[in-house]
Amino acid sequence: MGLFVKAETALMEVKKISPAEEAIVDAEIARLRAVDNERQRAADKKMRGWLSRDSKP
C-alpha cells in the first residue's frame, strides 16, 4: 500500500501543476489502484492459506 500512496501523491502534484493532464492522471490513479487492490487480494489469500494450515507436530 505504501507505494500506491506515494504514487498517488506524486500524481496529485502533477494534476495541480498541469490541470490539462487531469484525465490522464485520473486514469493512471485508477489503474494503479486496481493493481494495488489485486496485489492486496493475492497477499490476503496467501495469508489466509497460511493461517488455515493445521499445525501438526
Protein backbone atom coordinates (compact mmCIF):
# COMPACT_ATOMS: atom_id res chain seq x y z
CA MET A 1 0.00 0.00 0.00
CA GLY A 2 2.88 2.36 0.69
CA LEU A 3 3.97 2.50 -2.93
CA PHE A 4 0.45 3.29 -4.11
CA VAL A 5 0.16 6.15 -1.64
CA LYS A 6 3.47 7.62 -2.82
CA ALA A 7 2.47 7.27 -6.47
CA GLU A 8 -0.93 8.80 -5.82
CA THR A 9 0.68 11.75 -4.02
CA ALA A 10 3.06 12.35 -6.91
CA LEU A 11 0.25 12.11 -9.45
CA MET A 12 -1.90 14.54 -7.47
CA GLU A 13 1.01 17.02 -7.64
CA VAL A 14 1.15 16.56 -11.42
CA LYS A 15 -2.58 17.25 -11.51
CA LYS A 16 -2.08 20.53 -9.60
CA ILE A 17 0.81 21.64 -11.81
CA SER A 18 -0.82 20.68 -15.10
CA PRO A 19 -4.63 20.70 -14.93
CA ALA A 20 -4.79 19.87 -18.65
CA GLU A 21 -3.49 16.38 -17.81
CA GLU A 22 -6.26 15.70 -15.27
CA ALA A 23 -7.97 12.95 -17.28
CA ILE A 24 -4.70 11.11 -17.87
CA VAL A 25 -3.70 11.42 -14.21
CA ASP A 26 -7.11 10.16 -13.05
CA ALA A 27 -6.85 7.18 -15.39
CA GLU A 28 -3.39 6.34 -14.08
CA ILE A 29 -4.54 6.61 -10.46
CA ALA A 30 -7.44 4.26 -11.24
CA ARG A 31 -5.07 1.80 -12.93
CA LEU A 32 -2.63 1.87 -10.03
CA ARG A 33 -5.47 1.44 -7.54
CA ALA A 34 -6.66 -1.67 -9.41
CA VAL A 35 -3.14 -3.12 -9.45
CA ASP A 36 -2.72 -2.37 -5.74
CA ASN A 37 -6.08 -3.97 -4.92
CA GLU A 38 -5.16 -7.11 -6.86
CA ARG A 39 -1.83 -7.39 -5.06
CA GLN A 40 -3.58 -6.94 -1.74
CA ARG A 41 -6.12 -9.67 -2.59
CA ALA A 42 -3.30 -12.05 -3.51
CA ALA A 43 -1.47 -11.29 -0.26
CA ASP A 44 -4.65 -11.77 1.76
CA LYS A 45 -5.35 -15.09 0.03
CA LYS A 46 -1.82 -16.27 0.74
CA MET A 47 -2.11 -15.22 4.39
CA ARG A 48 -5.47 -16.97 4.79
CA GLY A 49 -3.94 -20.14 3.38
CA TRP A 50 -1.01 -19.90 5.74
CA LEU A 51 -3.21 -19.22 8.77
CA SER A 52 -5.64 -22.02 7.99
CA ARG A 53 -2.99 -24.76 7.89
CA ASP A 54 -3.36 -27.42 10.51
CA SER A 55 -0.46 -27.40 12.91
CA LYS A 56 0.90 -30.91 13.01
CA PRO A 57 3.73 -31.88 15.36
